Amino acid sequence: METWSSHTKKFHDRNGSRWYFMFHHQYIEDRAPDEQPYALYFRNDERTVFGVLRFERSKDNPYPSFAAVTRKIMDDDAFRESLIGEGSKKVWKGR
């Protein structure tokens, strides 16, 4: 089973540009909740930057909060560049 959900909060980077975030959770039978994989997709308002941050297990996420990871993606250019991928663009079609 899998679920998709978009975050409704308005996110802005240090330059005032708007960003969007969407979760993709996969549920694998016989795995504990902290062992489940998930991905955080992101894009900018202009639809010129698309990327995804994946975790094979939710407990592998080193960020203390959702706010910390979104800030890292929005404001750390080198980090964000490592997550850019054309494949992540298609999840935003129609959204």
PDB file of N, CA and C in Angstrom:
ATOM      1  N   MET A   1       0.842  -1.175   0.000  1.00  0.00           N
ATOM      2  CA  MET A   1       0.000   0.000   0.000  1.00  0.00           C
ATOM      3  C   MET A   1       0.888   1.238   0.000  1.00  0.00           C
ATOM      4  N   GLU A   2       0.386   2.298  -0.588  1.00  0.00           N
ATOM      5  CA  GLU A   2       1.120   3.550  -0.601  1.00  0.00           C
ATOM      6  C   GLU A   2       0.157   4.723  -0.491  1.00  0.00           C
ATOM      7  N   THR A   3       0.662   5.835   0.010  1.00  0.00           N
ATOM      8  CA  THR A   3      -0.134   7.057   0.100  1.00  0.00           C
ATOM      9  C   THR A   3       0.688   8.245  -0.376  1.00  0.00           C
ATOM     10  N   TRP A   4      -0.008   9.218  -0.917  1.00  0.00           N
ATOM     11  CA  TRP A   4       0.579  10.490  -1.335  1.00  0.00           C
ATOM     12  C   TRP A   4      -0.126  11.592  -0.569  1.00  0.00           C
ATOM     13  N   SER A   5       0.626  12.576  -0.117  1.00  0.00           N
ATOM     14  CA  SER A   5       0.000  13.724   0.539  1.00  0.00           C
ATOM     15  C   SER A   5       0.846  14.966   0.301  1.00  0.00           C
ATOM     16  N   SER A   6       0.157  16.067   0.088  1.00  0.00           N
ATOM     17  CA  SER A   6       0.834  17.352  -0.122  1.00  0.00           C
ATOM     18  C   SER A   6       0.782  18.150   1.159  1.00  0.00           C
ATOM     19  N   HIS A   7       1.808  18.918   1.387  1.00  0.00           N
ATOM     20  CA  HIS A   7       1.826  19.785   2.556  1.00  0.00           C
ATOM     21  C   HIS A   7       1.182  21.110   2.162  1.00  0.00           C
ATOM     22  N   THR A   8       0.257  21.596   2.972  1.00  0.00           N
ATOM     23  CA  THR A   8      -0.506  22.796   2.615  1.00  0.00           C
ATOM     24  C   THR A   8       0.150  24.103   3.066  1.00  0.00           C
ATOM     25  N   LYS A   9       1.137  24.019   3.923  1.00  0.00           N
ATOM     26  CA  LYS A   9       1.810  25.233   4.388  1.00  0.00           C
ATOM     27  C   LYS A   9       2.535  25.904   3.219  1.00  0.00           C
ATOM     28  N   LYS A  10       2.601  27.223   3.251  1.00  0.00           N
ATOM     29  CA  LYS A  10       3.359  27.958   2.244  1.00  0.00           C
ATOM     30  C   LYS A  10       4.806  28.060   2.707  1.00  0.00           C
ATOM     31  N   PHE A  11       5.721  27.564   1.874  1.00  0.00           N
ATOM     32  CA  PHE A  11       7.144  27.578   2.196  1.00  0.00           C
ATOM     33  C   PHE A  11       7.851  28.587   1.302  1.00  0.00           C
ATOM     34  N   HIS A  12       8.721  29.392   1.898  1.00  0.00           N
ATOM     35  CA  HIS A  12       9.505  30.369   1.150  1.00  0.00           C
ATOM     36  C   HIS A  12      10.972  30.251   1.547  1.00  0.00           C
ATOM     37  N   ASP A  13      11.847  30.304   0.552  1.00  0.00           N
ATOM     38  CA  ASP A  13      13.277  30.228   0.836  1.00  0.00           C
ATOM     39  C   ASP A  13      13.800  31.596   1.260  1.00  0.00           C
ATOM     40  N   ARG A  14      15.087  31.672   1.496  1.00  0.00           N
ATOM     41  CA  ARG A  14      15.684  32.930   1.997  1.00  0.00           C
ATOM     42  C   ARG A  14      15.569  34.075   1.003  1.00  0.00           C
ATOM     43  N   ASN A  15      15.297  33.754  -0.284  1.00  0.00           N
ATOM     44  CA  ASN A  15      15.135  34.792  -1.304  1.00  0.00           C
ATOM     45  C   ASN A  15      13.674  35.144  -1.563  1.00  0.00           C
ATOM     46  N   GLY A  16      12.773  34.491  -0.844  1.00  0.00           N
ATOM     47  CA  GLY A  16      11.351  34.765  -1.001  1.00  0.00           C
ATOM     48  C   GLY A  16      10.643  33.895  -2.024  1.00  0.00           C
ATOM     49  N   SER A  17      11.352  32.976  -2.670  1.00  0.00           N
ATOM     50  CA  SER A  17      10.729  32.084  -3.652  1.00  0.00           C
ATOM     51  C   SER A  17       9.907  31.012  -2.941  1.00  0.00           C
ATOM     52  N   ARG A  18       8.792  30.641  -3.543  1.00  0.00           N
ATOM     53  CA  ARG A  18       7.881  29.660  -2.948  1.00  0.00           C
ATOM     54  C   ARG A  18       8.259  28.246  -3.374  1.00  0.00           C
ATOM     55  N   TRP A  19       8.100  27.281  -2.432  1.00  0.00           N
ATOM     56  CA  TRP A  19       8.389  25.873  -2.655  1.00  0.00           C
ATOM     57  C   TRP A  19       7.211  25.020  -2.211  1.00  0.00           C
ATOM     58  N   TYR A  20       7.101  23.838  -2.836  1.00  0.00           N
ATOM     59  CA  TYR A  20       6.030  22.890  -2.537  1.00  0.00           C
ATOM     60  C   TYR A  20       6.639  21.542  -2.178  1.00  0.00           C
ATOM     61  N   PHE A  21       6.000  20.832  -1.249  1.00  0.00           N
ATOM     62  CA  PHE A  21       6.486  19.535  -0.780  1.00  0.00           C
ATOM     63  C   PHE A  21       5.355  18.523  -0.761  1.00  0.00           C
ATOM     64  N   MET A  22       5.698  17.285  -1.135  1.00  0.00           N
ATOM     65  CA  MET A  22       4.720  16.204  -1.166  1.00  0.00           C
ATOM     66  C   MET A  22       5.383  14.925  -0.640  1.00  0.00           C
ATOM     67  N   PHE A  23       4.653  14.203   0.208  1.00  0.00           N
ATOM     68  CA  PHE A  23       5.138  12.942   0.775  1.00  0.00           C
ATOM     69  C   PHE A  23       4.639  11.755  -0.033  1.00  0.00           C
ATOM     70  N   HIS A  24       5.480  10.758  -0.148  1.00  0.00           N
ATOM     71  CA  HIS A  24       5.077   9.460  -0.701  1.00  0.00           C
ATOM     72  C   HIS A  24       5.496   8.402   0.314  1.00  0.00           C
ATOM     73  N   HIS A  25       4.496   7.809   0.954  1.00  0.00           N
ATOM     74  CA  HIS A  25       4.756   6.772   1.952  1.00  0.00           C
ATOM     75  C   HIS A  25       4.425   5.412   1.355  1.00  0.00           C
ATOM     76  N   GLN A  26       5.309   4.465   1.560  1.00  0.00           N
ATOM     77  CA  GLN A  26       5.057   3.085   1.165  1.00  0.00           C
ATOM     78  C   GLN A  26       4.923   2.265   2.439  1.00  0.00           C
ATOM     79  N   TYR A  27       3.953   1.368   2.453  1.00  0.00           N
ATOM     80  CA  TYR A  27       3.729   0.526   3.617  1.00  0.00           C
ATOM     81  C   TYR A  27       4.014  -0.917   3.232  1.00  0.00           C
ATOM     82  N   ILE A  28       5.015  -1.479   3.869  1.00  0.00           N
ATOM     83  CA  ILE A  28       5.430  -2.842   3.594  1.00  0.00           C
ATOM     84  C   ILE A  28       5.027  -3.709   4.784  1.00  0.00           C
ATOM     85  N   GLU A  29       4.272  -4.737   4.466  1.00  0.00           N
ATOM     86  CA  GLU A  29       3.794  -5.640   5.502  1.00  0.00           C
ATOM     87  C   GLU A  29       4.971  -6.228   6.275  1.00  0.00           C
ATOM     88  N   ASP A  30       4.782  -6.465   7.524  1.00  0.00           N
ATOM     89  CA  ASP A  30       5.780  -7.066   8.411  1.00  0.00           C
ATOM     90  C   ASP A  30       6.959  -6.143   8.719  1.00  0.00           C
ATOM     91  N   ARG A  31       6.812  -4.853   8.447  1.00  0.00           N
ATOM     92  CA  ARG A  31       7.850  -3.891   8.830  1.00  0.00           C
ATOM     93  C   ARG A  31       7.286  -2.957   9.882  1.00  0.00           C
ATOM     94  N   ALA A  32       8.121  -2.629  10.840  1.00  0.00           N
ATOM     95  CA  ALA A  32       7.728  -1.679  11.888  1.00  0.00           C
ATOM     96  C   ALA A  32       7.560  -0.287  11.263  1.00  0.00           C
ATOM     97  N   PRO A  33       6.809   0.599  11.897  1.00  0.00           N
ATOM     98  CA  PRO A  33       6.603   1.941  11.334  1.00  0.00           C
ATOM     99  C   PRO A  33       7.896   2.689  11.020  1.00  0.00           C
ATOM    100  N   ASP A  34       8.898   2.567  11.870  1.00  0.00           N
ATOM    101  CA  ASP A  34      10.150   3.283  11.607  1.00  0.00           C
ATOM    102  C   ASP A  34      11.033   2.576  10.577  1.00  0.00           C
ATOM    103  N   GLU A  35      10.589   1.441  10.063  1.00  0.00           N
ATOM    104  CA  GLU A  35      11.310   0.698   9.027  1.00  0.00           C
ATOM    105  C   GLU A  35      10.699   0.917   7.637  1.00  0.00           C
ATOM    106  N   GLN A  36       9.626   1.711   7.557  1.00  0.00           N
ATOM    107  CA  GLN A  36       8.930   1.939   6.295  1.00  0.00           C
ATOM    108  C   GLN A  36       9.668   2.972   5.443  1.00  0.00           C
ATOM    109  N   PRO A  37       9.737   2.756   4.121  1.00  0.00           N
ATOM    110  CA  PRO A  37      10.372   3.738   3.236  1.00  0.00           C
ATOM    111  C   PRO A  37       9.437   4.913   2.952  1.00  0.00           C
ATOM    112  N   TYR A  38      10.018   6.065   2.700  1.00  0.00           N
ATOM    113  CA  TYR A  38       9.223   7.193   2.237  1.00  0.00           C
ATOM    114  C   TYR A  38      10.103   8.155   1.463  1.00  0.00           C
ATOM    115  N   ALA A  39       9.433   9.035   0.731  1.00  0.00           N
ATOM    116  CA  ALA A  39      10.142  10.022  -0.081  1.00  0.00           C
ATOM    117  C   ALA A  39       9.483  11.375   0.101  1.00  0.00           C
ATOM    118  N   LEU A  40      10.292  12.406   0.047  1.00  0.00           N
ATOM    119  CA  LEU A  40       9.809  13.779   0.115  1.00  0.00           C
ATOM    120  C   LEU A  40      10.132  14.435  -1.228  1.00  0.00           C
ATOM    121  N   TYR A  41       9.102  14.677  -2.040  1.00  0.00           N
ATOM    122  CA  TYR A  41       9.270  15.335  -3.334  1.00  0.00           C
ATOM    123  C   TYR A  41       9.148  16.838  -3.131  1.00  0.00           C
ATOM    124  N   PHE A  42       9.860  17.587  -3.956  1.00  0.00           N
ATOM    125  CA  PHE A  42       9.787  19.036  -3.861  1.00  0.00           C
ATOM    126  C   PHE A  42       9.895  19.667  -5.235  1.00  0.00           C
ATOM    127  N   ARG A  43       9.382  20.879  -5.314  1.00  0.00           N
ATOM    128  CA  ARG A  43       9.513  21.684  -6.536  1.00  0.00           C
ATOM    129  C   ARG A  43       9.416  23.154  -6.167  1.00  0.00           C
ATOM    130  N   ASN A  44       9.934  23.984  -7.055  1.00  0.00           N
ATOM    131  CA  ASN A  44       9.789  25.417  -6.836  1.00  0.00           C
ATOM    132  C   ASN A  44       8.530  25.911  -7.542  1.00  0.00           C
ATOM    133  N   ASP A  45       8.124  27.132  -7.254  1.00  0.00           N
ATOM    134  CA  ASP A  45       6.888  27.695  -7.790  1.00  0.00           C
ATOM    135  C   ASP A  45       6.950  27.858  -9.307  1.00  0.00           C
ATOM    136  N   GLU A  46       8.121  28.104  -9.835  1.00  0.00           N
ATOM    137  CA  GLU A  46       8.286  28.308 -11.271  1.00  0.00           C
ATOM    138  C   GLU A  46       8.286  26.996 -12.052  1.00  0.00           C
ATOM    139  N   ARG A  47       8.305  25.873 -11.334  1.00  0.00           N
ATOM    140  CA  ARG A  47       8.368  24.535 -11.940  1.00  0.00           C
ATOM    141  C   ARG A  47       9.616  24.355 -12.802  1.00  0.00           C
ATOM    142  N   THR A  48      10.729  24.877 -12.288  1.00  0.00           N
ATOM    143  CA  THR A  48      12.011  24.697 -12.969  1.00  0.00           C
ATOM    144  C   THR A  48      12.941  23.781 -12.187  1.00  0.00           C
ATOM    145  N   VAL A  49      12.626  23.536 -10.923  1.00  0.00           N
ATOM    146  CA  VAL A  49      13.431  22.663 -10.070  1.00  0.00           C
ATOM    147  C   VAL A  49      12.520  21.579  -9.494  1.00  0.00           C
ATOM    148  N   PHE A  50      12.902  20.319  -9.728  1.00  0.00           N
ATOM    149  CA  PHE A  50      12.153  19.171  -9.220  1.00  0.00           C
ATOM    150  C   PHE A  50      13.147  18.203  -8.598  1.00  0.00           C
ATOM    151  N   GLY A  51      12.809  17.666  -7.440  1.00  0.00           N
ATOM    152  CA  GLY A  51      13.712  16.718  -6.803  1.00  0.00           C
ATOM    153  C   GLY A  51      13.003  15.843  -5.797  1.00  0.00           C
ATOM    154  N   VAL A  52      13.781  14.906  -5.251  1.00  0.00           N
ATOM    155  CA  VAL A  52      13.218  13.984  -4.270  1.00  0.00           C
ATOM    156  C   VAL A  52      14.304  13.570  -3.279  1.00  0.00           C
ATOM    157  N   LEU A  53      13.927  13.505  -2.029  1.00  0.00           N
ATOM    158  CA  LEU A  53      14.783  13.008  -0.954  1.00  0.00           C
ATOM    159  C   LEU A  53      14.150  11.714  -0.463  1.00  0.00           C
ATOM    160  N   ARG A  54      14.868  10.598  -0.616  1.00  0.00           N
ATOM    161  CA  ARG A  54      14.319   9.285  -0.265  1.00  0.00           C
ATOM    162  C   ARG A  54      15.014   8.714   0.968  1.00  0.00           C
ATOM    163  N   PHE A  55      14.223   7.980   1.734  1.00  0.00           N
ATOM    164  CA  PHE A  55      14.754   7.236   2.866  1.00  0.00           C
ATOM    165  C   PHE A  55      14.237   5.810   2.771  1.00  0.00           C
ATOM    166  N   GLU A  56      15.129   4.848   2.798  1.00  0.00           N
ATOM    167  CA  GLU A  56      14.728   3.442   2.754  1.00  0.00           C
ATOM    168  C   GLU A  56      13.989   3.039   4.024  1.00  0.00           C
ATOM    169  N   ARG A  57      14.340   3.715   5.115  1.00  0.00           N
ATOM    170  CA  ARG A  57      13.663   3.491   6.407  1.00  0.00           C
ATOM    171  C   ARG A  57      13.454   4.863   7.029  1.00  0.00           C
ATOM    172  N   SER A  58      12.268   5.098   7.541  1.00  0.00           N
ATOM    173  CA  SER A  58      11.996   6.422   8.108  1.00  0.00           C
ATOM    174  C   SER A  58      12.948   6.766   9.249  1.00  0.00           C
ATOM    175  N   LYS A  59      13.436   5.759   9.964  1.00  0.00           N
ATOM    176  CA  LYS A  59      14.357   6.043  11.071  1.00  0.00           C
ATOM    177  C   LYS A  59      15.728   6.509  10.583  1.00  0.00           C
ATOM    178  N   ASP A  60      15.996   6.411   9.278  1.00  0.00           N
ATOM    179  CA  ASP A  60      17.260   6.885   8.720  1.00  0.00           C
ATOM    180  C   ASP A  60      17.276   8.393   8.478  1.00  0.00           C
ATOM    181  N   ASN A  61      16.139   9.037   8.637  1.00  0.00           N
ATOM    182  CA  ASN A  61      16.049  10.478   8.436  1.00  0.00           C
ATOM    183  C   ASN A  61      16.814  11.193   9.552  1.00  0.00           C
ATOM    184  N   PRO A  62      17.908  11.900   9.208  1.00  0.00           N
ATOM    185  CA  PRO A  62      18.724  12.546  10.244  1.00  0.00           C
ATOM    186  C   PRO A  62      18.202  13.913  10.702  1.00  0.00           C
ATOM    187  N   TYR A  63      17.143  14.404  10.082  1.00  0.00           N
ATOM    188  CA  TYR A  63      16.655  15.742  10.398  1.00  0.00           C
ATOM    189  C   TYR A  63      15.682  15.695  11.573  1.00  0.00           C
ATOM    190  N   PRO A  64      15.851  16.603  12.515  1.00  0.00           N
ATOM    191  CA  PRO A  64      15.036  16.568  13.736  1.00  0.00           C
ATOM    192  C   PRO A  64      13.573  16.957  13.517  1.00  0.00           C
ATOM    193  N   SER A  65      13.286  17.625  12.400  1.00  0.00           N
ATOM    194  CA  SER A  65      11.908  18.057  12.153  1.00  0.00           C
ATOM    195  C   SER A  65      11.680  18.250  10.661  1.00  0.00           C
ATOM    196  N   PHE A  66      10.403  18.319  10.292  1.00  0.00           N
ATOM    197  CA  PHE A  66      10.050  18.599   8.906  1.00  0.00           C
ATOM    198  C   PHE A  66      10.555  19.989   8.516  1.00  0.00           C
ATOM    199  N   ALA A  67      10.481  20.934   9.430  1.00  0.00           N
ATOM    200  CA  ALA A  67      10.962  22.291   9.159  1.00  0.00           C
ATOM    201  C   ALA A  67      12.455  22.292   8.838  1.00  0.00           C
ATOM    202  N   ALA A  68      13.218  21.465   9.528  1.00  0.00           N
ATOM    203  CA  ALA A  68      14.670  21.418   9.293  1.00  0.00           C
ATOM    204  C   ALA A  68      15.000  20.887   7.903  1.00  0.00           C
ATOM    205  N   VAL A  69      14.305  19.836   7.483  1.00  0.00           N
ATOM    206  CA  VAL A  69      14.611  19.264   6.165  1.00  0.00           C
ATOM    207  C   VAL A  69      14.137  20.180   5.040  1.00  0.00           C
ATOM    208  N   THR A  70      12.988  20.836   5.197  1.00  0.00           N
ATOM    209  CA  THR A  70      12.538  21.751   4.151  1.00  0.00           C
ATOM    210  C   THR A  70      13.472  22.950   4.037  1.00  0.00           C
ATOM    211  N   ARG A  71      13.936  23.448   5.164  1.00  0.00           N
ATOM    212  CA  ARG A  71      14.881  24.574   5.142  1.00  0.00           C
ATOM    213  C   ARG A  71      16.181  24.160   4.447  1.00  0.00           C
ATOM    214  N   LYS A  72      16.656  22.946   4.718  1.00  0.00           N
ATOM    215  CA  LYS A  72      17.880  22.434   4.093  1.00  0.00           C
ATOM    216  C   LYS A  72      17.698  22.347   2.574  1.00  0.00           C
ATOM    217  N   ILE A  73      16.573  21.822   2.132  1.00  0.00           N
ATOM    218  CA  ILE A  73      16.311  21.698   0.692  1.00  0.00           C
ATOM    219  C   ILE A  73      16.215  23.076   0.037  1.00  0.00           C
ATOM    220  N   MET A  74      15.490  23.987   0.650  1.00  0.00           N
ATOM    221  CA  MET A  74      15.276  25.296   0.044  1.00  0.00           C
ATOM    222  C   MET A  74      16.531  26.168   0.035  1.00  0.00           C
ATOM    223  N   ASP A  75      17.317  26.128   1.095  1.00  0.00           N
ATOM    224  CA  ASP A  75      18.403  27.100   1.254  1.00  0.00           C
ATOM    225  C   ASP A  75      19.814  26.570   1.019  1.00  0.00           C
ATOM    226  N   ASP A  76      19.992  25.273   0.887  1.00  0.00           N
ATOM    227  CA  ASP A  76      21.321  24.711   0.666  1.00  0.00           C
ATOM    228  C   ASP A  76      21.405  24.238  -0.788  1.00  0.00           C
ATOM    229  N   ASP A  77      21.951  25.107  -1.649  1.00  0.00           N
ATOM    230  CA  ASP A  77      21.992  24.830  -3.085  1.00  0.00           C
ATOM    231  C   ASP A  77      22.705  23.525  -3.426  1.00  0.00           C
ATOM    232  N   ALA A  78      23.838  23.271  -2.813  1.00  0.00           N
ATOM    233  CA  ALA A  78      24.608  22.053  -3.115  1.00  0.00           C
ATOM    234  C   ALA A  78      23.823  20.806  -2.702  1.00  0.00           C
ATOM    235  N   PHE A  79      23.216  20.843  -1.549  1.00  0.00           N
ATOM    236  CA  PHE A  79      22.411  19.714  -1.084  1.00  0.00           C
ATOM    237  C   PHE A  79      21.243  19.474  -2.039  1.00  0.00           C
ATOM    238  N   ARG A  80      20.527  20.535  -2.374  1.00  0.00           N
ATOM    239  CA  ARG A  80      19.369  20.429  -3.267  1.00  0.00           C
ATOM    240  C   ARG A  80      19.785  19.877  -4.631  1.00  0.00           C
ATOM    241  N   GLU A  81      20.899  20.336  -5.156  1.00  0.00           N
ATOM    242  CA  GLU A  81      21.379  19.862  -6.462  1.00  0.00           C
ATOM    243  C   GLU A  81      21.608  18.352  -6.466  1.00  0.00           C
ATOM    244  N   SER A  82      21.998  17.796  -5.334  1.00  0.00           N
ATOM    245  CA  SER A  82      22.237  16.351  -5.257  1.00  0.00           C
ATOM    246  C   SER A  82      20.939  15.554  -5.310  1.00  0.00           C
ATOM    247  N   LEU A  83      19.795  16.221  -5.164  1.00  0.00           N
ATOM    248  CA  LEU A  83      18.492  15.554  -5.134  1.00  0.00           C
ATOM    249  C   LEU A  83      17.663  15.781  -6.397  1.00  0.00           C
ATOM    250  N   ILE A  84      18.175  16.590  -7.319  1.00  0.00           N
ATOM    251  CA  ILE A  84      17.449  16.941  -8.530  1.00  0.00           C
ATOM    252  C   ILE A  84      17.371  15.731  -9.452  1.00  0.00           C
ATOM    253  N   GLY A  85      16.191  15.531 -10.028  1.00  0.00           N
ATOM    254  CA  GLY A  85      16.030  14.422 -10.958  1.00  0.00           C
ATOM    255  C   GLY A  85      14.812  14.600 -11.835  1.00  0.00           C
ATOM    256  N   GLU A  86      14.974  14.353 -13.115  1.00  0.00           N
ATOM    257  CA  GLU A  86      13.865  14.472 -14.056  1.00  0.00           C
ATOM    258  C   GLU A  86      12.715  13.532 -13.708  1.00  0.00           C
ATOM    259  N   GLY A  87      13.029  12.372 -13.153  1.00  0.00           N
ATOM    260  CA  GLY A  87      11.987  11.423 -12.797  1.00  0.00           C
ATOM    261  C   GLY A  87      11.017  11.966 -11.772  1.00  0.00           C
ATOM    262  N   SER A  88      11.474  12.872 -10.934  1.00  0.00           N
ATOM    263  CA  SER A  88      10.597  13.425  -9.903  1.00  0.00           C
ATOM    264  C   SER A  88       9.620  14.457 -10.475  1.00  0.00           C
ATOM    265  N   LYS A  89       9.883  14.944 -11.669  1.00  0.00           N
ATOM    266  CA  LYS A  89       9.013  15.940 -12.289  1.00  0.00           C
ATOM    267  C   LYS A  89       7.624  15.387 -12.590  1.00  0.00           C
ATOM    268  N   LYS A  90       7.558  14.126 -12.993  1.00  0.00           N
ATOM    269  CA  LYS A  90       6.266  13.565 -13.420  1.00  0.00           C
ATOM    270  C   LYS A  90       5.269  13.390 -12.277  1.00  0.00           C
ATOM    271  N   VAL A  91       5.723  13.322 -11.026  1.00  0.00           N
ATOM    272  CA  VAL A  91       4.761  13.195  -9.918  1.00  0.00           C
ATOM    273  C   VAL A  91       3.953  14.476  -9.717  1.00  0.00           C
ATOM    274  N   TRP A  92       4.426  15.590 -10.251  1.00  0.00           N
ATOM    275  CA  TRP A  92       3.750  16.870 -10.074  1.00  0.00           C
ATOM    276  C   TRP A  92       2.742  17.151 -11.183  1.00  0.00           C
ATOM    277  N   LYS A  93       2.666  16.327 -12.216  1.00  0.00           N
ATOM    278  CA  LYS A  93       1.710  16.567 -13.304  1.00  0.00           C
ATOM    279  C   LYS A  93       0.300  16.584 -12.740  1.00  0.00           C
ATOM    280  N   GLY A  94      -0.437  17.619 -13.054  1.00  0.00           N
ATOM    281  CA  GLY A  94      -1.808  17.732 -12.603  1.00  0.00           C
ATOM    282  C   GLY A  94      -1.974  18.150 -11.157  1.00  0.00           C
ATOM    283  N   ARG A  95      -0.899  18.487 -10.496  1.00  0.00           N
ATOM    284  CA  ARG A  95      -0.990  18.903  -9.085  1.00  0.00           C
ATOM    285  C   ARG A  95      -0.686  20.375  -8.973  1.00  0.00           C
TER     286      ARG A  95
END
